[in-house]
Amino acid sequence: MARALLKFIRVSPIKSRLIAREIQGMNAEEALAALEFTPNKAAKIISKVLASAVANSGEEAEDCVVTSCRVDNGPVLKRFRPRARGMASGIRKPTAHILVEVEGK
């Protein structure tokens, strides 16, 4: 089993999990093709991590199966936006850790 991990990436983990759940259990080649045509920032990032996991396995993409695709919460960058009458409101910029595991047939 080979894996690839990308940490502290500036993408929402909640939105990324929707994409990660779609490719679990898929053939790696099919998953890469599906991610290529998904119009989402997270899909492009997960595609790169999946390609890295396939490369780490030393096998071809058609011979690998995505056993696990996990998106965990990373630290949240906290920023402030000025508001009326001298106040400020908070902005949360979430980060994520993406782990992809593949296994040969």
N, C-alpha and C. Protein backbone atom coordinates (compact mmCIF):
# COMPACT_ATOMS: atom_id res chain seq x y z
N MET A 1 0.85 -1.17 0.00
CA MET A 1 0.00 0.00 0.00
C MET A 1 0.89 1.23 0.00
N ALA A 2 0.59 2.15 -0.88
CA ALA A 2 1.35 3.40 -0.98
C ALA A 2 0.43 4.55 -0.62
N ARG A 3 1.03 5.62 -0.11
CA ARG A 3 0.24 6.77 0.30
C ARG A 3 0.95 8.06 -0.01
N ALA A 4 0.15 9.13 -0.07
CA ALA A 4 0.69 10.47 -0.27
C ALA A 4 -0.08 11.40 0.66
N LEU A 5 0.62 12.36 1.25
CA LEU A 5 0.03 13.27 2.22
C LEU A 5 0.39 14.70 1.85
N LEU A 6 -0.61 15.55 1.80
CA LEU A 6 -0.41 16.98 1.55
C LEU A 6 -0.98 17.73 2.74
N LYS A 7 -0.13 18.50 3.41
CA LYS A 7 -0.55 19.16 4.64
C LYS A 7 -0.62 20.68 4.45
N PHE A 8 -1.46 21.29 5.25
CA PHE A 8 -1.60 22.75 5.34
C PHE A 8 -2.00 23.39 4.01
N ILE A 9 -2.87 22.73 3.26
CA ILE A 9 -3.30 23.28 1.98
C ILE A 9 -4.51 24.19 2.23
N ARG A 10 -4.54 25.35 1.57
CA ARG A 10 -5.57 26.36 1.81
C ARG A 10 -6.84 26.05 1.01
N VAL A 11 -7.57 25.07 1.50
CA VAL A 11 -8.85 24.71 0.90
C VAL A 11 -9.77 24.26 2.04
N SER A 12 -11.05 24.46 1.88
CA SER A 12 -11.99 24.09 2.93
C SER A 12 -12.09 22.57 3.06
N PRO A 13 -11.88 22.04 4.27
CA PRO A 13 -11.97 20.59 4.43
C PRO A 13 -13.39 20.06 4.22
N ILE A 14 -14.40 20.85 4.54
CA ILE A 14 -15.78 20.40 4.37
C ILE A 14 -16.10 20.20 2.88
N LYS A 15 -15.68 21.15 2.05
CA LYS A 15 -15.91 21.04 0.61
C LYS A 15 -15.04 19.95 -0.01
N SER A 16 -13.84 19.76 0.53
CA SER A 16 -12.93 18.75 0.00
C SER A 16 -13.41 17.34 0.28
N ARG A 17 -14.07 17.14 1.42
CA ARG A 17 -14.55 15.79 1.77
C ARG A 17 -15.61 15.30 0.78
N LEU A 18 -16.39 16.21 0.22
CA LEU A 18 -17.39 15.81 -0.77
C LEU A 18 -16.73 15.16 -1.98
N ILE A 19 -15.60 15.72 -2.40
CA ILE A 19 -14.86 15.18 -3.54
C ILE A 19 -14.15 13.89 -3.14
N ALA A 20 -13.58 13.86 -1.93
CA ALA A 20 -12.82 12.69 -1.48
C ALA A 20 -13.70 11.45 -1.37
N ARG A 21 -14.94 11.63 -0.93
CA ARG A 21 -15.84 10.48 -0.79
C ARG A 21 -16.21 9.88 -2.13
N GLU A 22 -16.21 10.69 -3.18
CA GLU A 22 -16.58 10.20 -4.51
C GLU A 22 -15.57 9.21 -5.07
N ILE A 23 -14.28 9.40 -4.77
CA ILE A 23 -13.26 8.58 -5.41
C ILE A 23 -12.84 7.38 -4.58
N GLN A 24 -13.32 7.25 -3.36
CA GLN A 24 -12.94 6.09 -2.55
C GLN A 24 -13.46 4.81 -3.18
N GLY A 25 -12.58 3.82 -3.28
CA GLY A 25 -12.94 2.54 -3.86
C GLY A 25 -12.85 2.48 -5.37
N MET A 26 -12.58 3.60 -6.02
CA MET A 26 -12.50 3.63 -7.48
C MET A 26 -11.13 3.16 -7.95
N ASN A 27 -11.07 2.75 -9.19
CA ASN A 27 -9.79 2.52 -9.85
C ASN A 27 -9.08 3.86 -9.96
N ALA A 28 -7.76 3.88 -9.77
CA ALA A 28 -7.02 5.14 -9.74
C ALA A 28 -7.10 5.88 -11.07
N GLU A 29 -7.09 5.13 -12.16
CA GLU A 29 -7.17 5.78 -13.49
C GLU A 29 -8.54 6.44 -13.68
N GLU A 30 -9.60 5.76 -13.27
CA GLU A 30 -10.94 6.33 -13.38
C GLU A 30 -11.10 7.54 -12.46
N ALA A 31 -10.50 7.44 -11.26
CA ALA A 31 -10.59 8.55 -10.31
C ALA A 31 -9.89 9.79 -10.84
N LEU A 32 -8.72 9.61 -11.45
CA LEU A 32 -8.00 10.75 -12.04
C LEU A 32 -8.81 11.38 -13.16
N ALA A 33 -9.46 10.55 -13.98
CA ALA A 33 -10.28 11.07 -15.07
C ALA A 33 -11.51 11.82 -14.52
N ALA A 34 -12.12 11.29 -13.46
CA ALA A 34 -13.28 11.94 -12.88
C ALA A 34 -12.89 13.28 -12.24
N LEU A 35 -11.76 13.32 -11.57
CA LEU A 35 -11.31 14.55 -10.92
C LEU A 35 -10.93 15.63 -11.93
N GLU A 36 -10.45 15.20 -13.08
CA GLU A 36 -10.04 16.16 -14.11
C GLU A 36 -11.21 17.02 -14.59
N PHE A 37 -12.41 16.42 -14.61
CA PHE A 37 -13.58 17.14 -15.13
C PHE A 37 -14.50 17.63 -14.03
N THR A 38 -14.04 17.61 -12.78
CA THR A 38 -14.84 18.14 -11.68
C THR A 38 -14.47 19.60 -11.47
N PRO A 39 -15.43 20.52 -11.60
CA PRO A 39 -15.11 21.95 -11.52
C PRO A 39 -15.04 22.42 -10.06
N ASN A 40 -13.95 22.07 -9.39
CA ASN A 40 -13.81 22.37 -7.98
C ASN A 40 -12.32 22.55 -7.67
N LYS A 41 -12.00 23.51 -6.82
CA LYS A 41 -10.61 23.74 -6.44
C LYS A 41 -10.02 22.50 -5.77
N ALA A 42 -10.81 21.86 -4.91
CA ALA A 42 -10.33 20.70 -4.18
C ALA A 42 -10.06 19.52 -5.11
N ALA A 43 -10.81 19.41 -6.20
CA ALA A 43 -10.63 18.29 -7.13
C ALA A 43 -9.25 18.33 -7.77
N LYS A 44 -8.79 19.51 -8.12
CA LYS A 44 -7.47 19.66 -8.73
C LYS A 44 -6.37 19.26 -7.74
N ILE A 45 -6.54 19.66 -6.48
CA ILE A 45 -5.55 19.36 -5.46
C ILE A 45 -5.53 17.86 -5.14
N ILE A 46 -6.72 17.26 -4.98
CA ILE A 46 -6.80 15.83 -4.68
C ILE A 46 -6.25 15.02 -5.84
N SER A 47 -6.44 15.50 -7.07
CA SER A 47 -5.90 14.82 -8.25
C SER A 47 -4.38 14.74 -8.19
N LYS A 48 -3.74 15.82 -7.78
CA LYS A 48 -2.28 15.83 -7.68
C LYS A 48 -1.79 14.89 -6.58
N VAL A 49 -2.50 14.85 -5.46
CA VAL A 49 -2.12 13.96 -4.37
C VAL A 49 -2.31 12.50 -4.79
N LEU A 50 -3.39 12.21 -5.50
CA LEU A 50 -3.63 10.86 -6.00
C LEU A 50 -2.55 10.43 -6.98
N ALA A 51 -2.17 11.33 -7.88
CA ALA A 51 -1.09 11.02 -8.83
C ALA A 51 0.22 10.73 -8.09
N SER A 52 0.47 11.46 -7.02
CA SER A 52 1.68 11.23 -6.23
C SER A 52 1.63 9.87 -5.53
N ALA A 53 0.46 9.49 -5.01
CA ALA A 53 0.32 8.19 -4.35
C ALA A 53 0.53 7.05 -5.34
N VAL A 54 0.02 7.21 -6.56
CA VAL A 54 0.22 6.19 -7.60
C VAL A 54 1.69 6.08 -7.96
N ALA A 55 2.37 7.22 -8.05
CA ALA A 55 3.81 7.22 -8.35
C ALA A 55 4.60 6.57 -7.22
N ASN A 56 4.17 6.80 -5.97
CA ASN A 56 4.85 6.19 -4.83
C ASN A 56 4.68 4.68 -4.80
N SER A 57 3.58 4.17 -5.37
CA SER A 57 3.34 2.73 -5.37
C SER A 57 4.25 2.00 -6.36
N GLY A 58 4.73 2.72 -7.38
CA GLY A 58 5.60 2.10 -8.38
C GLY A 58 4.85 1.30 -9.42
N GLU A 59 3.53 1.41 -9.44
CA GLU A 59 2.71 0.69 -10.42
C GLU A 59 2.00 1.69 -11.31
N GLU A 60 1.34 1.16 -12.34
CA GLU A 60 0.58 2.01 -13.24
C GLU A 60 -0.77 2.37 -12.60
N ALA A 61 -1.37 3.45 -13.07
CA ALA A 61 -2.63 3.92 -12.50
C ALA A 61 -3.77 2.92 -12.71
N GLU A 62 -3.76 2.19 -13.85
CA GLU A 62 -4.84 1.24 -14.10
C GLU A 62 -4.76 0.01 -13.20
N ASP A 63 -3.60 -0.21 -12.56
CA ASP A 63 -3.42 -1.36 -11.67
C ASP A 63 -3.67 -1.03 -10.20
N CYS A 64 -4.01 0.22 -9.89
CA CYS A 64 -4.18 0.66 -8.50
C CYS A 64 -5.65 0.96 -8.19
N VAL A 65 -5.99 0.78 -6.92
CA VAL A 65 -7.33 1.09 -6.43
C VAL A 65 -7.18 2.06 -5.26
N VAL A 66 -8.01 3.07 -5.21
CA VAL A 66 -7.98 4.04 -4.11
C VAL A 66 -8.65 3.40 -2.90
N THR A 67 -7.85 3.00 -1.90
CA THR A 67 -8.42 2.36 -0.71
C THR A 67 -8.94 3.39 0.28
N SER A 68 -8.26 4.54 0.37
CA SER A 68 -8.68 5.55 1.34
C SER A 68 -8.32 6.93 0.82
N CYS A 69 -9.25 7.86 0.97
CA CYS A 69 -9.00 9.27 0.66
C CYS A 69 -9.60 10.06 1.81
N ARG A 70 -8.72 10.64 2.62
CA ARG A 70 -9.16 11.28 3.85
C ARG A 70 -8.77 12.75 3.85
N VAL A 71 -9.68 13.60 4.31
CA VAL A 71 -9.40 15.03 4.44
C VAL A 71 -9.62 15.42 5.89
N ASP A 72 -8.55 15.84 6.56
CA ASP A 72 -8.62 16.24 7.95
C ASP A 72 -8.51 17.76 8.07
N ASN A 73 -8.99 18.28 9.18
CA ASN A 73 -8.89 19.71 9.44
C ASN A 73 -7.45 20.09 9.77
N GLY A 74 -7.02 21.22 9.23
CA GLY A 74 -5.74 21.81 9.60
C GLY A 74 -6.00 23.03 10.46
N PRO A 75 -4.97 23.78 10.77
CA PRO A 75 -5.18 25.00 11.54
C PRO A 75 -5.95 26.05 10.73
N VAL A 76 -6.66 26.91 11.44
CA VAL A 76 -7.48 27.94 10.79
C VAL A 76 -6.75 29.28 10.89
N LEU A 77 -6.56 29.93 9.74
CA LEU A 77 -5.98 31.27 9.72
C LEU A 77 -7.09 32.25 10.05
N LYS A 78 -6.87 33.07 11.05
CA LYS A 78 -7.89 34.02 11.48
C LYS A 78 -7.49 35.43 11.06
N ARG A 79 -8.39 36.07 10.32
CA ARG A 79 -8.16 37.42 9.82
C ARG A 79 -9.34 38.30 10.24
N PHE A 80 -9.19 39.62 10.09
CA PHE A 80 -10.24 40.54 10.46
C PHE A 80 -10.59 41.44 9.29
N ARG A 81 -11.87 41.77 9.17
CA ARG A 81 -12.35 42.69 8.15
C ARG A 81 -12.94 43.90 8.86
N PRO A 82 -12.50 45.11 8.50
CA PRO A 82 -13.06 46.31 9.12
C PRO A 82 -14.54 46.46 8.77
N ARG A 83 -15.31 46.90 9.76
CA ARG A 83 -16.74 47.11 9.57
C ARG A 83 -17.11 48.54 9.98
N ALA A 84 -18.36 48.82 9.91
CA ALA A 84 -18.84 50.18 10.21
C ALA A 84 -18.61 50.53 11.67
N ARG A 85 -18.45 51.84 11.93
CA ARG A 85 -18.33 52.40 13.27
C ARG A 85 -17.15 51.82 14.06
N GLY A 86 -16.05 51.57 13.37
CA GLY A 86 -14.83 51.18 14.05
C GLY A 86 -14.79 49.74 14.52
N MET A 87 -15.76 48.93 14.14
CA MET A 87 -15.77 47.53 14.56
C MET A 87 -15.04 46.67 13.54
N ALA A 88 -14.89 45.41 13.89
CA ALA A 88 -14.28 44.45 12.98
C ALA A 88 -15.01 43.12 13.12
N SER A 89 -15.08 42.38 12.03
CA SER A 89 -15.64 41.04 12.09
C SER A 89 -14.59 40.05 11.63
N GLY A 90 -14.70 38.84 12.11
CA GLY A 90 -13.68 37.84 11.83
C GLY A 90 -13.87 37.13 10.51
N ILE A 91 -12.78 36.70 9.94
CA ILE A 91 -12.77 35.87 8.74
C ILE A 91 -11.97 34.62 9.08
N ARG A 92 -12.55 33.44 8.82
CA ARG A 92 -11.84 32.18 9.07
C ARG A 92 -11.38 31.62 7.74
N LYS A 93 -10.09 31.37 7.60
CA LYS A 93 -9.53 30.78 6.39
C LYS A 93 -9.03 29.38 6.74
N PRO A 94 -9.85 28.35 6.49
CA PRO A 94 -9.49 27.01 6.92
C PRO A 94 -8.41 26.38 6.05
N THR A 95 -7.66 25.46 6.63
CA THR A 95 -6.68 24.67 5.90
C THR A 95 -7.02 23.20 6.09
N ALA A 96 -6.44 22.35 5.27
CA ALA A 96 -6.75 20.93 5.31
C ALA A 96 -5.49 20.09 5.12
N HIS A 97 -5.55 18.86 5.61
CA HIS A 97 -4.53 17.85 5.37
C HIS A 97 -5.20 16.74 4.54
N ILE A 98 -4.63 16.41 3.38
CA ILE A 98 -5.24 15.43 2.48
C ILE A 98 -4.34 14.19 2.41
N LEU A 99 -4.91 13.02 2.72
CA LEU A 99 -4.20 11.75 2.69
C LEU A 99 -4.87 10.82 1.70
N VAL A 100 -4.10 10.29 0.75
CA VAL A 100 -4.64 9.34 -0.23
C VAL A 100 -3.81 8.07 -0.16
N GLU A 101 -4.48 6.92 -0.03
CA GLU A 101 -3.82 5.62 -0.01
C GLU A 101 -4.31 4.80 -1.19
N VAL A 102 -3.36 4.19 -1.91
CA VAL A 102 -3.69 3.32 -3.04
C VAL A 102 -3.05 1.95 -2.81
N GLU A 103 -3.68 0.96 -3.41
CA GLU A 103 -3.16 -0.39 -3.29
C GLU A 103 -3.24 -1.07 -4.65
N GLY A 104 -2.19 -1.83 -4.99
CA GLY A 104 -2.17 -2.55 -6.25
C GLY A 104 -3.16 -3.71 -6.23
N LYS A 105 -3.58 -4.15 -7.42
CA LYS A 105 -4.57 -5.24 -7.49
C LYS A 105 -3.98 -6.56 -7.05
